[in-house]
PDB file of N, CA and C in Angstrom:
ATOM      1  N   MET A   1      49.772  83.504 105.411  1.00  0.00           N
ATOM      2  CA  MET A   1      50.374  84.846 105.530  1.00  0.00           C
ATOM      3  C   MET A   1      51.810  84.872 104.673  1.00  0.00           C
ATOM      4  N   GLY A   2      51.588  84.531 103.556  1.00  0.00           N
ATOM      5  CA  GLY A   2      52.548  84.907 102.366  1.00  0.00           C
ATOM      6  C   GLY A   2      53.293  83.446 102.060  1.00  0.00           C
ATOM      7  N   LEU A   3      54.187  83.583 101.197  1.00  0.00           N
ATOM      8  CA  LEU A   3      54.720  82.302 100.778  1.00  0.00           C
ATOM      9  C   LEU A   3      56.022  82.296 101.353  1.00  0.00           C
ATOM     10  N   PRO A   4      56.775  81.068 101.635  1.00  0.00           N
ATOM     11  CA  PRO A   4      58.118  80.840 102.201  1.00  0.00           C
ATOM     12  C   PRO A   4      59.228  81.619 100.942  1.00  0.00           C
ATOM     13  N   THR A   5      60.207  81.797 101.491  1.00  0.00           N
ATOM     14  CA  THR A   5      61.344  82.603 100.465  1.00  0.00           C
ATOM     15  C   THR A   5      62.521  81.695 100.869  1.00  0.00           C
ATOM     16  N   ALA A   6      63.421  81.915  99.850  1.00  0.00           N
ATOM     17  CA  ALA A   6      64.844  81.408  99.842  1.00  0.00           C
ATOM     18  C   ALA A   6      65.672  82.479 100.625  1.00  0.00           C
ATOM     19  N   ILE A   7      65.333  83.223 101.614  1.00  0.00           N
ATOM     20  CA  ILE A   7      66.091  84.267 102.207  1.00  0.00           C
ATOM     21  C   ILE A   7      67.074  83.321 103.294  1.00  0.00           C
ATOM     22  N   LEU A   8      68.344  83.378 103.589  1.00  0.00           N
ATOM     23  CA  LEU A   8      69.107  82.741 104.215  1.00  0.00           C
ATOM     24  C   LEU A   8      69.329  83.194 105.828  1.00  0.00           C
ATOM     25  N   HIS A   9      69.543  82.458 106.671  1.00  0.00           N
ATOM     26  CA  HIS A   9      69.677  83.197 108.099  1.00  0.00           C
ATOM     27  C   HIS A   9      71.401  83.342 107.767  1.00  0.00           C
ATOM     28  N   PRO A  10      72.000  84.230 108.672  1.00  0.00           N
ATOM     29  CA  PRO A  10      73.279  84.403 108.703  1.00  0.00           C
ATOM     30  C   PRO A  10      74.039  83.551 108.962  1.00  0.00           C
ATOM     31  N   SER A  11      75.140  83.109 108.221  1.00  0.00           N
ATOM     32  CA  SER A  11      76.047  82.035 108.475  1.00  0.00           C
ATOM     33  C   SER A  11      76.963  82.291 109.872  1.00  0.00           C
ATOM     34  N   SER A  12      77.038  81.036 110.348  1.00  0.00           N
ATOM     35  CA  SER A  12      77.742  80.907 111.775  1.00  0.00           C
ATOM     36  C   SER A  12      79.551  80.779 111.212  1.00  0.00           C
ATOM     37  N   SER A  13      79.553  80.802 110.026  1.00  0.00           N
ATOM     38  CA  SER A  13      81.131  80.911 109.288  1.00  0.00           C
ATOM     39  C   SER A  13      81.134  81.708 108.166  1.00  0.00           C
ATOM     40  N   ARG A  14      81.807  82.686 108.482  1.00  0.00           N
ATOM     41  CA  ARG A  14      81.959  83.675 107.351  1.00  0.00           C
ATOM     42  C   ARG A  14      83.585  83.943 107.362  1.00  0.00           C
ATOM     43  N   HIS A  15      84.124  84.128 106.049  1.00  0.00           N
ATOM     44  CA  HIS A  15      85.577  83.816 105.696  1.00  0.00           C
ATOM     45  C   HIS A  15      85.809  85.119 104.754  1.00  0.00           C
ATOM     46  N   VAL A  16      87.141  86.015 104.986  1.00  0.00           N
ATOM     47  CA  VAL A  16      87.556  86.770 103.855  1.00  0.00           C
ATOM     48  C   VAL A  16      88.671  86.246 103.450  1.00  0.00           C
ATOM     49  N   VAL A  17      88.955  86.332 102.222  1.00  0.00           N
ATOM     50  CA  VAL A  17      90.353  85.808 101.439  1.00  0.00           C
ATOM     51  C   VAL A  17      90.513  87.032 100.911  1.00  0.00           C
ATOM     52  N   ALA A  18      91.674  87.726 100.952  1.00  0.00           N
ATOM     53  CA  ALA A  18      92.056  88.703 100.194  1.00  0.00           C
ATOM     54  C   ALA A  18      93.278  88.040  99.121  1.00  0.00           C
ATOM     55  N   LEU A  19      92.834  88.299  97.920  1.00  0.00           N
ATOM     56  CA  LEU A  19      93.691  87.828  96.737  1.00  0.00           C
ATOM     57  C   LEU A  19      94.458  88.660  95.939  1.00  0.00           C
ATOM     58  N   THR A  20      95.803  88.250  96.036  1.00  0.00           N
ATOM     59  CA  THR A  20      96.614  89.204  95.144  1.00  0.00           C
ATOM     60  C   THR A  20      96.548  88.648  93.780  1.00  0.00           C
ATOM     61  N   ALA A  21      96.678  89.467  92.823  1.00  0.00           N
ATOM     62  CA  ALA A  21      96.496  89.088  91.232  1.00  0.00           C
ATOM     63  C   ALA A  21      97.340  87.974  90.800  1.00  0.00           C
ATOM     64  N   GLY A  22      96.781  86.973  90.292  1.00  0.00           N
ATOM     65  CA  GLY A  22      97.621  85.914  89.968  1.00  0.00           C
ATOM     66  C   GLY A  22      98.195  85.092  90.919  1.00  0.00           C
ATOM     67  N   VAL A  23      97.863  85.281  92.229  1.00  0.00           N
ATOM     68  CA  VAL A  23      98.563  84.435  93.338  1.00  0.00           C
ATOM     69  C   VAL A  23      97.449  83.534  93.735  1.00  0.00           C
ATOM     70  N   GLY A  24      97.586  82.200  93.785  1.00  0.00           N
ATOM     71  CA  GLY A  24      96.450  81.353  94.321  1.00  0.00           C
ATOM     72  C   GLY A  24      96.218  81.200  95.800  1.00  0.00           C
ATOM     73  N   GLN A  25      95.304  81.036  96.187  1.00  0.00           N
ATOM     74  CA  GLN A  25      95.161  80.679  97.699  1.00  0.00           C
ATOM     75  C   GLN A  25      94.096  79.472  97.990  1.00  0.00           C
ATOM     76  N   THR A  26      94.354  78.597  98.922  1.00  0.00           N
ATOM     77  CA  THR A  26      93.176  77.667  99.258  1.00  0.00           C
ATOM     78  C   THR A  26      92.601  77.915 100.717  1.00  0.00           C
ATOM     79  N   ILE A  27      91.268  77.312 100.621  1.00  0.00           N
ATOM     80  CA  ILE A  27      90.734  77.456 102.033  1.00  0.00           C
ATOM     81  C   ILE A  27      89.657  76.084 101.830  1.00  0.00           C
ATOM     82  N   THR A  28      89.873  75.673 103.075  1.00  0.00           N
ATOM     83  CA  THR A  28      88.876  74.252 103.332  1.00  0.00           C
ATOM     84  C   THR A  28      87.589  74.712 103.817  1.00  0.00           C
ATOM     85  N   VAL A  29      86.736  74.112 103.211  1.00  0.00           N
ATOM     86  CA  VAL A  29      85.099  74.141 103.562  1.00  0.00           C
ATOM     87  C   VAL A  29      85.110  73.709 104.795  1.00  0.00           C
ATOM     88  N   PRO A  30      84.636  74.571 106.034  1.00  0.00           N
ATOM     89  CA  PRO A  30      84.430  74.096 107.440  1.00  0.00           C
ATOM     90  C   PRO A  30      83.390  72.835 107.493  1.00  0.00           C
ATOM     91  N   ASN A  31      83.557  72.084 108.457  1.00  0.00           N
ATOM     92  CA  ASN A  31      82.719  70.804 108.679  1.00  0.00           C
ATOM     93  C   ASN A  31      81.215  70.997 108.720  1.00  0.00           C
ATOM     94  N   GLU A  32      80.945  72.411 109.348  1.00  0.00           N
ATOM     95  CA  GLU A  32      79.310  72.391 109.603  1.00  0.00           C
ATOM     96  C   GLU A  32      78.853  73.166 108.180  1.00  0.00           C
ATOM     97  N   ALA A  33      79.596  73.449 107.182  1.00  0.00           N
ATOM     98  CA  ALA A  33      79.057  73.929 106.044  1.00  0.00           C
ATOM     99  C   ALA A  33      78.505  72.943 104.994  1.00  0.00           C
ATOM    100  N   GLY A  34      77.723  73.124 104.172  1.00  0.00           N
ATOM    101  CA  GLY A  34      77.157  72.358 103.159  1.00  0.00           C
ATOM    102  C   GLY A  34      77.031  73.413 101.829  1.00  0.00           C
ATOM    103  N   SER A  35      77.173  74.593 101.814  1.00  0.00           N
ATOM    104  CA  SER A  35      77.262  75.362 100.557  1.00  0.00           C
ATOM    105  C   SER A  35      77.892  76.471 100.714  1.00  0.00           C
ATOM    106  N   VAL A  36      78.308  77.200  99.720  1.00  0.00           N
ATOM    107  CA  VAL A  36      79.447  78.369  99.777  1.00  0.00           C
ATOM    108  C   VAL A  36      79.001  79.424  99.021  1.00  0.00           C
ATOM    109  N   LEU A  37      78.817  80.528  99.450  1.00  0.00           N
ATOM    110  CA  LEU A  37      78.449  81.815  98.769  1.00  0.00           C
ATOM    111  C   LEU A  37      79.498  82.791  98.316  1.00  0.00           C
ATOM    112  N   PHE A  38      79.808  83.353  97.287  1.00  0.00           N
ATOM    113  CA  PHE A  38      80.890  83.996  96.836  1.00  0.00           C
ATOM    114  C   PHE A  38      80.514  85.574  96.604  1.00  0.00           C
ATOM    115  N   ASN A  39      81.213  86.615  97.014  1.00  0.00           N
ATOM    116  CA  ASN A  39      81.041  87.823  96.498  1.00  0.00           C
ATOM    117  C   ASN A  39      82.529  88.456  96.545  1.00  0.00           C
ATOM    118  N   ALA A  40      82.798  89.298  95.500  1.00  0.00           N
ATOM    119  CA  ALA A  40      84.036  89.796  95.464  1.00  0.00           C
ATOM    120  C   ALA A  40      83.682  91.131  94.566  1.00  0.00           C
ATOM    121  N   THR A  41      84.948  91.918  94.802  1.00  0.00           N
ATOM    122  CA  THR A  41      85.274  93.372  94.268  1.00  0.00           C
ATOM    123  C   THR A  41      85.871  93.424  92.864  1.00  0.00           C
ATOM    124  N   GLY A  42      86.486  91.880  92.418  1.00  0.00           N
ATOM    125  CA  GLY A  42      86.877  91.882  91.222  1.00  0.00           C
ATOM    126  C   GLY A  42      86.749  90.368  90.786  1.00  0.00           C
ATOM    127  N   PRO A  43      87.186  90.222  89.431  1.00  0.00           N
ATOM    128  CA  PRO A  43      86.906  88.834  88.727  1.00  0.00           C
ATOM    129  C   PRO A  43      87.985  87.770  89.526  1.00  0.00           C
ATOM    130  N   PHE A  44      87.575  86.556  89.811  1.00  0.00           N
ATOM    131  CA  PHE A  44      88.164  85.447  90.495  1.00  0.00           C
ATOM    132  C   PHE A  44      87.721  84.235  89.835  1.00  0.00           C
ATOM    133  N   TRP A  45      88.649  83.316  89.853  1.00  0.00           N
ATOM    134  CA  TRP A  45      88.265  81.872  89.483  1.00  0.00           C
ATOM    135  C   TRP A  45      88.451  80.788  90.543  1.00  0.00           C
ATOM    136  N   VAL A  46      87.603  79.975  90.530  1.00  0.00           N
ATOM    137  CA  VAL A  46      87.527  78.866  91.773  1.00  0.00           C
ATOM    138  C   VAL A  46      87.721  77.559  90.988  1.00  0.00           C
ATOM    139  N   GLN A  47      88.764  76.558  91.884  1.00  0.00           N
ATOM    140  CA  GLN A  47      89.020  75.379  91.421  1.00  0.00           C
ATOM    141  C   GLN A  47      88.331  74.337  92.749  1.00  0.00           C
ATOM    142  N   TYR A  48      87.716  73.590  92.355  1.00  0.00           N
ATOM    143  CA  TYR A  48      86.909  72.580  93.471  1.00  0.00           C
ATOM    144  C   TYR A  48      87.946  71.452  93.743  1.00  0.00           C
ATOM    145  N   GLY A  49      88.544  71.340  94.858  1.00  0.00           N
ATOM    146  CA  GLY A  49      89.262  70.503  95.368  1.00  0.00           C
ATOM    147  C   GLY A  49      90.577  70.219  95.276  1.00  0.00           C
ATOM    148  N   GLY A  50      91.046  71.387  94.769  1.00  0.00           N
ATOM    149  CA  GLY A  50      92.706  71.722  94.705  1.00  0.00           C
ATOM    150  C   GLY A  50      92.891  73.188  94.433  1.00  0.00           C
ATOM    151  N   ALA A  51      94.160  73.601  94.359  1.00  0.00           N
ATOM    152  CA  ALA A  51      94.609  74.930  93.986  1.00  0.00           C
ATOM    153  C   ALA A  51      94.273  75.440  92.699  1.00  0.00           C
ATOM    154  N   ALA A  52      93.908  76.430  92.474  1.00  0.00           N
ATOM    155  CA  ALA A  52      93.404  77.291  91.192  1.00  0.00           C
ATOM    156  C   ALA A  52      94.617  77.842  90.545  1.00  0.00           C
ATOM    157  N   ALA A  53      94.809  78.016  89.406  1.00  0.00           N
ATOM    158  CA  ALA A  53      95.531  78.861  88.453  1.00  0.00           C
ATOM    159  C   ALA A  53      95.109  79.450  87.401  1.00  0.00           C
ATOM    160  N   LEU A  54      95.517  80.666  87.051  1.00  0.00           N
ATOM    161  CA  LEU A  54      94.749  81.347  85.763  1.00  0.00           C
ATOM    162  C   LEU A  54      94.856  80.704  84.732  1.00  0.00           C
ATOM    163  N   PRO A  55      93.816  80.611  84.095  1.00  0.00           N
ATOM    164  CA  PRO A  55      93.768  79.752  82.727  1.00  0.00           C
ATOM    165  C   PRO A  55      94.635  80.707  81.847  1.00  0.00           C
ATOM    166  N   THR A  56      95.321  80.210  80.840  1.00  0.00           N
ATOM    167  CA  THR A  56      96.202  80.997  79.844  1.00  0.00           C
ATOM    168  C   THR A  56      95.930  80.416  78.617  1.00  0.00           C
ATOM    169  N   GLY A  57      94.949  79.533  78.415  1.00  0.00           N
ATOM    170  CA  GLY A  57      94.362  79.205  77.314  1.00  0.00           C
ATOM    171  C   GLY A  57      93.272  78.459  77.263  1.00  0.00           C
ATOM    172  N   SER A  58      92.774  77.869  76.302  1.00  0.00           N
ATOM    173  CA  SER A  58      91.641  76.952  76.386  1.00  0.00           C
ATOM    174  C   SER A  58      92.168  75.608  76.968  1.00  0.00           C
ATOM    175  N   ASP A  59      90.846  74.959  77.905  1.00  0.00           N
ATOM    176  CA  ASP A  59      90.746  73.709  78.554  1.00  0.00           C
ATOM    177  C   ASP A  59      89.676  73.148  78.495  1.00  0.00           C
ATOM    178  N   LEU A  60      89.559  71.955  77.627  1.00  0.00           N
ATOM    179  CA  LEU A  60      88.468  71.210  77.067  1.00  0.00           C
ATOM    180  C   LEU A  60      88.499  69.947  77.933  1.00  0.00           C
ATOM    181  N   THR A  61      89.065  69.798  79.053  1.00  0.00           N
ATOM    182  CA  THR A  61      89.026  68.661  79.930  1.00  0.00           C
ATOM    183  C   THR A  61      87.941  68.491  80.654  1.00  0.00           C
ATOM    184  N   GLY A  62      87.003  69.571  81.054  1.00  0.00           N
ATOM    185  CA  GLY A  62      86.197  69.461  82.042  1.00  0.00           C
ATOM    186  C   GLY A  62      86.572  69.781  83.208  1.00  0.00           C
ATOM    187  N   GLY A  63      87.551  69.884  83.664  1.00  0.00           N
ATOM    188  CA  GLY A  63      88.098  70.237  84.899  1.00  0.00           C
ATOM    189  C   GLY A  63      88.776  71.647  85.321  1.00  0.00           C
ATOM    190  N   ALA A  64      88.435  72.502  84.299  1.00  0.00           N
ATOM    191  CA  ALA A  64      88.732  74.010  84.471  1.00  0.00           C
ATOM    192  C   ALA A  64      88.393  74.558  85.763  1.00  0.00           C
ATOM    193  N   PRO A  65      88.939  75.764  86.186  1.00  0.00           N
ATOM    194  CA  PRO A  65      88.353  76.468  87.066  1.00  0.00           C
ATOM    195  C   PRO A  65      87.137  77.144  86.779  1.00  0.00           C
ATOM    196  N   GLU A  66      86.301  77.486  87.670  1.00  0.00           N
ATOM    197  CA  GLU A  66      85.097  78.290  87.166  1.00  0.00           C
ATOM    198  C   GLU A  66      85.196  79.843  87.655  1.00  0.00           C
ATOM    199  N   LEU A  67      84.758  80.506  86.758  1.00  0.00           N
ATOM    200  CA  LEU A  67      84.842  81.833  86.873  1.00  0.00           C
ATOM    201  C   LEU A  67      83.775  82.816  87.530  1.00  0.00           C
ATOM    202  N   ALA A  68      83.801  83.042  88.827  1.00  0.00           N
ATOM    203  CA  ALA A  68      82.958  83.825  89.681  1.00  0.00           C
ATOM    204  C   ALA A  68      81.752  83.423  89.715  1.00  0.00           C
ATOM    205  N   PRO A  69      81.661  82.094  90.366  1.00  0.00           N
ATOM    206  CA  PRO A  69      80.369  81.569  90.764  1.00  0.00           C
ATOM    207  C   PRO A  69      79.819  82.414  91.776  1.00  0.00           C
ATOM    208  N   GLN A  70      78.458  82.460  91.919  1.00  0.00           N
ATOM    209  CA  GLN A  70      77.670  82.891  93.176  1.00  0.00           C
ATOM    210  C   GLN A  70      77.447  81.979  94.346  1.00  0.00           C
ATOM    211  N   ALA A  71      77.032  80.758  93.927  1.00  0.00           N
ATOM    212  CA  ALA A  71      76.766  79.956  95.209  1.00  0.00           C
ATOM    213  C   ALA A  71      76.998  78.477  94.629  1.00  0.00           C
ATOM    214  N   ARG A  72      77.375  77.752  95.233  1.00  0.00           N
ATOM    215  CA  ARG A  72      77.627  76.150  95.077  1.00  0.00           C
ATOM    216  C   ARG A  72      77.429  75.206  96.421  1.00  0.00           C
ATOM    217  N   ARG A  73      76.945  74.183  96.256  1.00  0.00           N
ATOM    218  CA  ARG A  73      76.679  73.136  97.081  1.00  0.00           C
ATOM    219  C   ARG A  73      78.045  72.360  97.375  1.00  0.00           C
ATOM    220  N   VAL A  74      78.632  72.200  98.306  1.00  0.00           N
ATOM    221  CA  VAL A  74      79.960  71.645  98.762  1.00  0.00           C
ATOM    222  C   VAL A  74      79.954  70.932  99.759  1.00  0.00           C
ATOM    223  N   GLU A  75      80.517  69.863  99.791  1.00  0.00           N
ATOM    224  CA  GLU A  75      80.906  69.109 101.167  1.00  0.00           C
ATOM    225  C   GLU A  75      81.873  69.501 101.938  1.00  0.00           C
ATOM    226  N   ALA A  76      81.549  69.519 103.226  1.00  0.00           N
ATOM    227  CA  ALA A  76      82.590  69.617 104.379  1.00  0.00           C
ATOM    228  C   ALA A  76      83.762  69.048 104.107  1.00  0.00           C
ATOM    229  N   GLY A  77      84.971  69.852 103.984  1.00  0.00           N
ATOM    230  CA  GLY A  77      86.389  69.331 104.139  1.00  0.00           C
ATOM    231  C   GLY A  77      86.826  69.719 102.629  1.00  0.00           C
ATOM    232  N   THR A  78      86.010  70.099 101.719  1.00  0.00           N
ATOM    233  CA  THR A  78      86.169  70.300 100.406  1.00  0.00           C
ATOM    234  C   THR A  78      87.599  71.681 100.173  1.00  0.00           C
ATOM    235  N   VAL A  79      88.498  71.301  99.541  1.00  0.00           N
ATOM    236  CA  VAL A  79      89.312  72.575  99.246  1.00  0.00           C
ATOM    237  C   VAL A  79      89.043  73.167  98.299  1.00  0.00           C
ATOM    238  N   LEU A  80      88.628  74.531  98.180  1.00  0.00           N
ATOM    239  CA  LEU A  80      88.488  75.674  97.255  1.00  0.00           C
ATOM    240  C   LEU A  80      89.811  76.302  96.975  1.00  0.00           C
ATOM    241  N   GLY A  81      90.355  76.108  95.809  1.00  0.00           N
ATOM    242  CA  GLY A  81      91.363  76.947  95.220  1.00  0.00           C
ATOM    243  C   GLY A  81      90.813  78.157  94.577  1.00  0.00           C
ATOM    244  N   LEU A  82      91.458  79.461  95.130  1.00  0.00           N
ATOM    245  CA  LEU A  82      90.707  80.660  94.275  1.00  0.00           C
ATOM    246  C   LEU A  82      91.933  81.524  93.977  1.00  0.00           C
ATOM    247  N   VAL A  83      91.874  82.222  93.086  1.00  0.00           N
ATOM    248  CA  VAL A  83      92.856  83.075  92.433  1.00  0.00           C
ATOM    249  C   VAL A  83      92.027  84.365  91.686  1.00  0.00           C
ATOM    250  N   GLY A  84      92.684  85.302  91.778  1.00  0.00           N
ATOM    251  CA  GLY A  84      92.349  86.494  91.365  1.00  0.00           C
ATOM    252  C   GLY A  84      92.785  86.762  89.990  1.00  0.00           C
ATOM    253  N   VAL A  85      92.002  87.821  89.374  1.00  0.00           N
ATOM    254  CA  VAL A  85      92.394  88.308  88.169  1.00  0.00           C
ATOM    255  C   VAL A  85      92.964  89.787  88.081  1.00  0.00           C
ATOM    256  N   ARG A  86      94.164  90.003  87.278  1.00  0.00           N
ATOM    257  CA  ARG A  86      94.547  91.457  87.400  1.00  0.00           C
ATOM    258  C   ARG A  86      93.409  92.438  86.748  1.00  0.00           C
ATOM    259  N   VAL A  87      93.173  93.311  87.179  1.00  0.00           N
ATOM    260  CA  VAL A  87      92.046  94.499  86.950  1.00  0.00           C
ATOM    261  C   VAL A  87      92.729  95.632  85.921  1.00  0.00           C
ATOM    262  N   ILE A  88      92.466  95.613  84.728  1.00  0.00           N
ATOM    263  CA  ILE A  88      93.257  96.799  83.918  1.00  0.00           C
ATOM    264  C   ILE A  88      92.076  97.925  83.882  1.00  0.00           C
ATOM    265  N   PRO A  89      92.381  98.982  84.460  1.00  0.00           N
ATOM    266  CA  PRO A  89      91.551 100.302  84.441  1.00  0.00           C
ATOM    267  C   PRO A  89      91.344 100.754  83.078  1.00  0.00           C
ATOM    268  N   PHE A  90      90.368 101.344  82.984  1.00  0.00           N
ATOM    269  CA  PHE A  90      90.158 102.095  81.590  1.00  0.00           C
ATOM    270  C   PHE A  90      90.348 103.515  81.787  1.00  0.00           C
ATOM    271  N   VAL A  91      91.150 103.990  80.705  1.00  0.00           N
ATOM    272  CA  VAL A  91      91.504 105.581  80.889  1.00  0.00           C
ATOM    273  C   VAL A  91      90.859 106.362  80.002  1.00  0.00           C
TER     274      VAL A  91
END
């Protein structure tokens, strides 16, 4: 009767983080979580394991924050640093 799909069950742990442009926030991955799904109304950066800051130039260290990921596997207790980007409207 069909093929299995990757459709997810509703999560028992859902969070909303309201970001102010350029101001970082952190959230700790709950104990029961093994993955995180992101959805946003504007651009944002994520740093895994600590606070995030907006990049101001090149970072070739391999440890730069990630721009707008959709889904990532994470370990419970991981700190996610989030920071939003100022949106400039087109006139």
